[in-house]
N, C-alpha and C. Protein backbone atom coordinates (compact mmCIF):
# COMPACT_ATOMS: atom_id res chain seq x y z
N MET A 1 -9.66 7.42 -18.85
CA MET A 1 -10.50 7.60 -17.68
C MET A 1 -10.43 6.41 -16.74
N GLY A 2 -10.61 5.24 -17.26
CA GLY A 2 -10.62 4.04 -16.44
C GLY A 2 -12.02 3.52 -16.22
N ARG A 3 -12.10 2.25 -15.89
CA ARG A 3 -13.39 1.57 -15.74
C ARG A 3 -13.92 1.70 -14.31
N ILE A 4 -15.23 1.55 -14.18
CA ILE A 4 -15.88 1.38 -12.89
C ILE A 4 -16.35 -0.07 -12.85
N LEU A 5 -16.09 -0.74 -11.75
CA LEU A 5 -16.46 -2.15 -11.60
C LEU A 5 -17.54 -2.24 -10.53
N ALA A 6 -18.59 -2.99 -10.80
CA ALA A 6 -19.69 -3.17 -9.84
C ALA A 6 -19.77 -4.63 -9.40
N ILE A 7 -20.08 -4.81 -8.13
CA ILE A 7 -20.14 -6.13 -7.53
C ILE A 7 -21.51 -6.35 -6.89
N ASP A 8 -22.17 -7.43 -7.30
CA ASP A 8 -23.40 -7.88 -6.64
C ASP A 8 -22.99 -9.09 -5.79
N TYR A 9 -22.64 -8.81 -4.54
CA TYR A 9 -22.06 -9.81 -3.66
C TYR A 9 -23.11 -10.80 -3.17
N GLY A 10 -22.75 -12.06 -3.21
CA GLY A 10 -23.60 -13.12 -2.67
C GLY A 10 -22.74 -14.09 -1.88
N THR A 11 -23.35 -14.84 -1.01
CA THR A 11 -22.58 -15.76 -0.18
C THR A 11 -22.01 -16.92 -0.99
N LYS A 12 -22.67 -17.30 -2.10
CA LYS A 12 -22.18 -18.39 -2.94
C LYS A 12 -21.54 -17.89 -4.23
N ARG A 13 -22.23 -16.97 -4.91
CA ARG A 13 -21.78 -16.43 -6.19
C ARG A 13 -21.81 -14.91 -6.13
N THR A 14 -20.94 -14.29 -6.93
CA THR A 14 -20.91 -12.84 -6.99
C THR A 14 -20.90 -12.40 -8.45
N GLY A 15 -21.87 -11.56 -8.79
CA GLY A 15 -21.96 -11.01 -10.14
C GLY A 15 -21.07 -9.78 -10.27
N ILE A 16 -20.45 -9.64 -11.43
CA ILE A 16 -19.53 -8.53 -11.67
C ILE A 16 -19.87 -7.88 -13.01
N ALA A 17 -19.89 -6.55 -13.00
CA ALA A 17 -20.11 -5.78 -14.23
C ALA A 17 -19.08 -4.67 -14.28
N VAL A 18 -18.79 -4.17 -15.48
CA VAL A 18 -17.83 -3.08 -15.65
C VAL A 18 -18.34 -2.10 -16.71
N THR A 19 -17.78 -0.90 -16.64
CA THR A 19 -18.05 0.07 -17.69
C THR A 19 -16.96 -0.03 -18.75
N ASP A 20 -17.19 0.63 -19.85
CA ASP A 20 -16.13 0.84 -20.82
C ASP A 20 -15.18 1.89 -20.23
N GLU A 21 -14.10 2.18 -20.91
CA GLU A 21 -13.10 3.11 -20.37
C GLU A 21 -13.62 4.54 -20.29
N LEU A 22 -14.64 4.89 -21.08
CA LEU A 22 -15.22 6.23 -21.02
C LEU A 22 -16.35 6.33 -19.99
N GLN A 23 -16.63 5.22 -19.32
CA GLN A 23 -17.65 5.14 -18.27
C GLN A 23 -19.04 5.52 -18.78
N MET A 24 -19.35 5.05 -19.98
CA MET A 24 -20.65 5.35 -20.57
C MET A 24 -21.55 4.12 -20.65
N ILE A 25 -20.96 2.95 -20.82
CA ILE A 25 -21.73 1.73 -21.04
C ILE A 25 -21.41 0.71 -19.95
N ALA A 26 -22.46 0.19 -19.32
CA ALA A 26 -22.31 -0.87 -18.33
C ALA A 26 -22.55 -2.21 -18.98
N SER A 27 -21.65 -3.15 -18.76
CA SER A 27 -21.78 -4.49 -19.34
C SER A 27 -21.49 -5.54 -18.27
N GLY A 28 -22.23 -6.63 -18.34
CA GLY A 28 -21.94 -7.74 -17.46
C GLY A 28 -20.58 -8.33 -17.80
N LEU A 29 -19.79 -8.64 -16.80
CA LEU A 29 -18.47 -9.22 -17.02
C LEU A 29 -18.51 -10.72 -16.78
N THR A 30 -18.91 -11.12 -15.58
CA THR A 30 -18.91 -12.54 -15.23
C THR A 30 -19.60 -12.73 -13.88
N THR A 31 -19.72 -13.97 -13.50
CA THR A 31 -20.11 -14.36 -12.15
C THR A 31 -19.05 -15.34 -11.66
N VAL A 32 -18.55 -15.10 -10.45
CA VAL A 32 -17.51 -15.97 -9.90
C VAL A 32 -17.96 -16.55 -8.57
N PRO A 33 -17.46 -17.72 -8.21
CA PRO A 33 -17.72 -18.22 -6.86
C PRO A 33 -17.15 -17.22 -5.85
N THR A 34 -17.91 -16.90 -4.84
CA THR A 34 -17.50 -15.86 -3.90
C THR A 34 -16.17 -16.16 -3.23
N GLU A 35 -15.87 -17.44 -3.01
CA GLU A 35 -14.60 -17.76 -2.36
C GLU A 35 -13.39 -17.40 -3.23
N THR A 36 -13.60 -17.22 -4.53
CA THR A 36 -12.49 -16.85 -5.42
C THR A 36 -12.55 -15.37 -5.84
N LEU A 37 -13.46 -14.62 -5.24
CA LEU A 37 -13.69 -13.23 -5.67
C LEU A 37 -12.45 -12.35 -5.55
N LEU A 38 -11.77 -12.39 -4.42
CA LEU A 38 -10.60 -11.53 -4.23
C LEU A 38 -9.48 -11.88 -5.21
N ASP A 39 -9.28 -13.16 -5.47
CA ASP A 39 -8.27 -13.57 -6.45
C ASP A 39 -8.65 -13.10 -7.86
N PHE A 40 -9.96 -13.20 -8.19
CA PHE A 40 -10.42 -12.72 -9.49
C PHE A 40 -10.16 -11.22 -9.61
N LEU A 41 -10.50 -10.47 -8.57
CA LEU A 41 -10.31 -9.01 -8.60
C LEU A 41 -8.84 -8.65 -8.74
N LYS A 42 -7.97 -9.37 -8.05
CA LYS A 42 -6.53 -9.11 -8.15
C LYS A 42 -6.08 -9.27 -9.59
N SER A 43 -6.47 -10.37 -10.20
CA SER A 43 -6.09 -10.63 -11.59
C SER A 43 -6.66 -9.58 -12.53
N TYR A 44 -7.92 -9.22 -12.34
CA TYR A 44 -8.56 -8.25 -13.22
C TYR A 44 -7.93 -6.86 -13.06
N LEU A 45 -7.69 -6.46 -11.83
CA LEU A 45 -7.14 -5.13 -11.58
C LEU A 45 -5.69 -4.99 -12.06
N GLU A 46 -5.00 -6.12 -12.21
CA GLU A 46 -3.64 -6.08 -12.75
C GLU A 46 -3.63 -5.82 -14.26
N THR A 47 -4.73 -6.16 -14.93
CA THR A 47 -4.75 -6.03 -16.39
C THR A 47 -5.62 -4.88 -16.89
N GLU A 48 -6.53 -4.38 -16.07
CA GLU A 48 -7.45 -3.32 -16.48
C GLU A 48 -7.33 -2.14 -15.53
N GLU A 49 -7.50 -0.95 -16.07
CA GLU A 49 -7.48 0.25 -15.24
C GLU A 49 -8.89 0.48 -14.67
N VAL A 50 -9.03 0.23 -13.39
CA VAL A 50 -10.29 0.42 -12.69
C VAL A 50 -10.10 1.58 -11.72
N VAL A 51 -11.00 2.57 -11.79
CA VAL A 51 -10.85 3.76 -10.96
C VAL A 51 -11.76 3.75 -9.74
N CYS A 52 -12.73 2.84 -9.71
CA CYS A 52 -13.66 2.78 -8.58
C CYS A 52 -14.35 1.42 -8.57
N VAL A 53 -14.62 0.92 -7.38
CA VAL A 53 -15.37 -0.32 -7.23
C VAL A 53 -16.67 0.01 -6.50
N LEU A 54 -17.78 -0.43 -7.07
CA LEU A 54 -19.09 -0.27 -6.44
C LEU A 54 -19.49 -1.61 -5.85
N VAL A 55 -20.00 -1.57 -4.64
CA VAL A 55 -20.49 -2.79 -4.00
C VAL A 55 -21.94 -2.56 -3.63
N GLY A 56 -22.79 -3.46 -4.09
CA GLY A 56 -24.22 -3.33 -3.82
C GLY A 56 -24.51 -3.36 -2.33
N GLU A 57 -25.51 -2.57 -1.96
CA GLU A 57 -25.95 -2.49 -0.56
C GLU A 57 -27.39 -3.01 -0.50
N PRO A 58 -27.55 -4.29 -0.13
CA PRO A 58 -28.90 -4.88 -0.11
C PRO A 58 -29.69 -4.44 1.12
N LYS A 59 -30.93 -4.04 0.87
CA LYS A 59 -31.80 -3.61 1.97
C LYS A 59 -33.14 -4.31 1.86
N GLN A 60 -33.78 -4.44 3.02
CA GLN A 60 -35.13 -4.99 3.09
C GLN A 60 -36.12 -3.92 2.64
N LYS A 61 -37.38 -4.29 2.51
CA LYS A 61 -38.40 -3.32 2.12
C LYS A 61 -38.51 -2.16 3.11
N ASP A 62 -38.25 -2.45 4.39
CA ASP A 62 -38.36 -1.40 5.41
C ASP A 62 -37.09 -0.54 5.52
N GLY A 63 -36.12 -0.79 4.65
CA GLY A 63 -34.90 0.02 4.63
C GLY A 63 -33.76 -0.51 5.49
N THR A 64 -34.00 -1.56 6.26
CA THR A 64 -32.93 -2.14 7.07
C THR A 64 -32.07 -3.03 6.19
N HIS A 65 -30.86 -3.26 6.64
CA HIS A 65 -29.93 -4.10 5.88
C HIS A 65 -30.38 -5.55 5.88
N SER A 66 -30.14 -6.24 4.78
CA SER A 66 -30.47 -7.66 4.71
C SER A 66 -29.41 -8.46 5.45
N GLU A 67 -29.65 -9.75 5.60
CA GLU A 67 -28.76 -10.61 6.37
C GLU A 67 -27.36 -10.72 5.78
N VAL A 68 -27.24 -10.60 4.46
CA VAL A 68 -25.94 -10.75 3.80
C VAL A 68 -25.01 -9.57 4.09
N GLU A 69 -25.53 -8.50 4.66
CA GLU A 69 -24.70 -7.31 4.92
C GLU A 69 -23.52 -7.63 5.84
N LYS A 70 -23.70 -8.52 6.78
CA LYS A 70 -22.59 -8.91 7.66
C LYS A 70 -21.45 -9.51 6.85
N ASP A 71 -21.78 -10.36 5.89
CA ASP A 71 -20.77 -10.96 5.02
C ASP A 71 -20.12 -9.89 4.13
N ILE A 72 -20.93 -8.96 3.65
CA ILE A 72 -20.40 -7.90 2.80
C ILE A 72 -19.40 -7.04 3.58
N GLN A 73 -19.70 -6.75 4.83
CA GLN A 73 -18.78 -5.96 5.66
C GLN A 73 -17.43 -6.67 5.80
N GLY A 74 -17.46 -7.98 5.99
CA GLY A 74 -16.21 -8.75 6.06
C GLY A 74 -15.45 -8.68 4.74
N PHE A 75 -16.18 -8.79 3.62
CA PHE A 75 -15.56 -8.68 2.31
C PHE A 75 -14.94 -7.29 2.11
N LEU A 76 -15.66 -6.24 2.52
CA LEU A 76 -15.15 -4.88 2.36
C LEU A 76 -13.85 -4.67 3.13
N LYS A 77 -13.74 -5.26 4.31
CA LYS A 77 -12.49 -5.15 5.07
C LYS A 77 -11.34 -5.81 4.31
N GLN A 78 -11.60 -6.99 3.76
CA GLN A 78 -10.57 -7.69 2.98
C GLN A 78 -10.21 -6.91 1.72
N LEU A 79 -11.22 -6.34 1.07
CA LEU A 79 -11.00 -5.56 -0.15
C LEU A 79 -10.15 -4.33 0.14
N ASN A 80 -10.48 -3.63 1.22
CA ASN A 80 -9.69 -2.45 1.61
C ASN A 80 -8.26 -2.82 1.96
N LYS A 81 -8.08 -3.95 2.61
CA LYS A 81 -6.74 -4.39 2.99
C LYS A 81 -5.91 -4.76 1.76
N ARG A 82 -6.54 -5.43 0.80
CA ARG A 82 -5.83 -5.90 -0.38
C ARG A 82 -5.59 -4.80 -1.42
N PHE A 83 -6.53 -3.86 -1.49
CA PHE A 83 -6.44 -2.76 -2.47
C PHE A 83 -6.67 -1.43 -1.76
N PRO A 84 -5.72 -1.01 -0.93
CA PRO A 84 -5.95 0.16 -0.07
C PRO A 84 -6.15 1.48 -0.82
N ASN A 85 -5.70 1.59 -2.03
CA ASN A 85 -5.83 2.84 -2.78
C ASN A 85 -7.04 2.88 -3.70
N MET A 86 -7.84 1.82 -3.71
CA MET A 86 -8.99 1.75 -4.60
C MET A 86 -10.21 2.38 -3.92
N PRO A 87 -10.81 3.41 -4.54
CA PRO A 87 -12.05 3.96 -3.98
C PRO A 87 -13.17 2.93 -4.06
N ILE A 88 -13.90 2.78 -2.98
CA ILE A 88 -15.01 1.82 -2.91
C ILE A 88 -16.26 2.59 -2.49
N LYS A 89 -17.33 2.40 -3.25
CA LYS A 89 -18.60 3.07 -2.95
C LYS A 89 -19.68 2.03 -2.79
N ARG A 90 -20.60 2.30 -1.90
CA ARG A 90 -21.77 1.43 -1.74
C ARG A 90 -22.92 2.01 -2.55
N VAL A 91 -23.69 1.14 -3.17
CA VAL A 91 -24.80 1.54 -4.02
C VAL A 91 -26.02 0.71 -3.66
N ASP A 92 -27.16 1.37 -3.49
CA ASP A 92 -28.40 0.68 -3.18
C ASP A 92 -28.72 -0.31 -4.29
N GLU A 93 -28.97 -1.56 -3.91
CA GLU A 93 -29.26 -2.58 -4.92
C GLU A 93 -30.67 -3.14 -4.76
N GLN A 94 -31.53 -2.40 -4.10
CA GLN A 94 -32.88 -2.89 -3.85
C GLN A 94 -33.58 -3.25 -5.16
N TYR A 95 -34.13 -4.43 -5.20
CA TYR A 95 -34.88 -4.97 -6.33
C TYR A 95 -34.02 -5.28 -7.56
N SER A 96 -32.69 -5.24 -7.45
CA SER A 96 -31.87 -5.51 -8.63
C SER A 96 -32.06 -6.93 -9.14
N SER A 97 -32.23 -7.90 -8.26
CA SER A 97 -32.43 -9.29 -8.70
C SER A 97 -33.78 -9.45 -9.41
N LYS A 98 -34.81 -8.80 -8.89
CA LYS A 98 -36.12 -8.87 -9.54
C LYS A 98 -36.06 -8.18 -10.90
N ARG A 99 -35.38 -7.06 -10.97
CA ARG A 99 -35.23 -6.35 -12.25
C ARG A 99 -34.41 -7.18 -13.23
N ALA A 100 -33.41 -7.90 -12.72
CA ALA A 100 -32.59 -8.76 -13.58
C ALA A 100 -33.45 -9.87 -14.17
N PHE A 101 -34.28 -10.47 -13.34
CA PHE A 101 -35.16 -11.55 -13.82
C PHE A 101 -36.12 -11.02 -14.87
N GLN A 102 -36.67 -9.83 -14.64
CA GLN A 102 -37.59 -9.24 -15.60
C GLN A 102 -36.86 -8.92 -16.91
N THR A 103 -35.61 -8.49 -16.81
CA THR A 103 -34.81 -8.23 -18.01
C THR A 103 -34.64 -9.51 -18.82
N MET A 104 -34.45 -10.62 -18.13
CA MET A 104 -34.30 -11.90 -18.82
C MET A 104 -35.60 -12.27 -19.56
N ILE A 105 -36.73 -12.02 -18.93
CA ILE A 105 -38.02 -12.29 -19.56
C ILE A 105 -38.19 -11.39 -20.78
N ASP A 106 -37.92 -10.10 -20.58
CA ASP A 106 -38.07 -9.12 -21.67
C ASP A 106 -37.14 -9.43 -22.84
N SER A 107 -36.02 -10.06 -22.55
CA SER A 107 -35.05 -10.40 -23.60
C SER A 107 -35.42 -11.67 -24.35
N GLY A 108 -36.47 -12.34 -23.89
CA GLY A 108 -36.93 -13.54 -24.59
C GLY A 108 -36.22 -14.82 -24.20
N LEU A 109 -35.53 -14.80 -23.06
CA LEU A 109 -34.86 -16.03 -22.63
C LEU A 109 -35.88 -17.09 -22.24
N THR A 110 -35.56 -18.33 -22.48
CA THR A 110 -36.45 -19.43 -22.13
C THR A 110 -36.46 -19.63 -20.62
N LYS A 111 -37.44 -20.41 -20.15
CA LYS A 111 -37.51 -20.71 -18.71
C LYS A 111 -36.23 -21.38 -18.23
N LYS A 112 -35.69 -22.28 -19.05
CA LYS A 112 -34.46 -22.97 -18.69
C LYS A 112 -33.31 -21.97 -18.54
N GLN A 113 -33.20 -21.03 -19.47
CA GLN A 113 -32.14 -20.03 -19.41
C GLN A 113 -32.32 -19.11 -18.19
N ARG A 114 -33.57 -18.82 -17.83
CA ARG A 114 -33.84 -17.93 -16.69
C ARG A 114 -33.54 -18.58 -15.36
N ARG A 115 -33.35 -19.89 -15.33
CA ARG A 115 -32.98 -20.58 -14.09
C ARG A 115 -31.48 -20.45 -13.78
N ASN A 116 -30.73 -19.88 -14.69
CA ASN A 116 -29.29 -19.71 -14.52
C ASN A 116 -29.02 -18.59 -13.52
N LYS A 117 -28.79 -18.97 -12.26
CA LYS A 117 -28.61 -17.98 -11.19
C LYS A 117 -27.36 -17.14 -11.39
N ALA A 118 -26.34 -17.72 -12.01
CA ALA A 118 -25.12 -16.95 -12.28
C ALA A 118 -25.42 -15.80 -13.24
N LEU A 119 -26.27 -16.05 -14.22
CA LEU A 119 -26.64 -14.98 -15.15
C LEU A 119 -27.45 -13.90 -14.45
N ILE A 120 -28.34 -14.29 -13.55
CA ILE A 120 -29.10 -13.31 -12.78
C ILE A 120 -28.15 -12.42 -11.98
N ASP A 121 -27.13 -13.01 -11.35
CA ASP A 121 -26.17 -12.23 -10.56
C ASP A 121 -25.39 -11.25 -11.43
N GLU A 122 -25.00 -11.69 -12.60
CA GLU A 122 -24.25 -10.82 -13.52
C GLU A 122 -25.13 -9.66 -14.01
N ILE A 123 -26.38 -9.96 -14.34
CA ILE A 123 -27.29 -8.91 -14.78
C ILE A 123 -27.60 -7.95 -13.62
N SER A 124 -27.72 -8.49 -12.41
CA SER A 124 -27.95 -7.63 -11.24
C SER A 124 -26.79 -6.65 -11.05
N ALA A 125 -25.57 -7.12 -11.21
CA ALA A 125 -24.41 -6.23 -11.09
C ALA A 125 -24.46 -5.16 -12.18
N THR A 126 -24.90 -5.54 -13.36
CA THR A 126 -25.01 -4.58 -14.46
C THR A 126 -26.06 -3.52 -14.14
N ILE A 127 -27.17 -3.94 -13.55
CA ILE A 127 -28.23 -2.99 -13.18
C ILE A 127 -27.73 -2.03 -12.10
N ILE A 128 -26.99 -2.55 -11.12
CA ILE A 128 -26.41 -1.69 -10.08
C ILE A 128 -25.52 -0.63 -10.72
N LEU A 129 -24.70 -1.06 -11.67
CA LEU A 129 -23.78 -0.15 -12.35
C LEU A 129 -24.55 0.86 -13.22
N GLN A 130 -25.56 0.41 -13.93
CA GLN A 130 -26.37 1.32 -14.75
C GLN A 130 -27.04 2.38 -13.89
N ASP A 131 -27.58 1.97 -12.76
CA ASP A 131 -28.22 2.93 -11.86
C ASP A 131 -27.22 3.97 -11.37
N TYR A 132 -26.03 3.52 -11.04
CA TYR A 132 -24.99 4.43 -10.57
C TYR A 132 -24.63 5.43 -11.68
N LEU A 133 -24.43 4.95 -12.88
CA LEU A 133 -24.07 5.83 -14.00
C LEU A 133 -25.19 6.83 -14.29
N TYR A 134 -26.44 6.37 -14.18
CA TYR A 134 -27.58 7.24 -14.45
C TYR A 134 -27.66 8.38 -13.44
N ASN A 135 -27.26 8.08 -12.19
CA ASN A 135 -27.37 9.07 -11.12
C ASN A 135 -26.12 9.94 -10.95
N LEU A 136 -25.13 9.77 -11.82
CA LEU A 136 -23.92 10.61 -11.73
C LEU A 136 -24.22 12.06 -12.02
């Protein structure tokens, strides 16, 4: 079947999650510096069969796009140019960071561990992917 890859794009760091090949389980993969994101994706897509890329769509409480959307649009253009045959879908990511932080609390992580912003980004990408799989 192939994997689905989810991206929680940030201006500094980007969280990445993937499914298993049967597209049943979402798992955090990593967090990478955003400036290396396209190179990371190139390397990953060369070794793994990915059938779709999900990119989080951050919105404000009133439903308007957040400020990072301009950066995401630039990233999407680069992504389409570099991987023209890869299906890309946008997925609502509202409250994914808050849910990620709550997941860390529920998992019993210490305050020091919960300050790890890279882990929050990776968990956020996993939540985006889980929501997508749930709504299939």
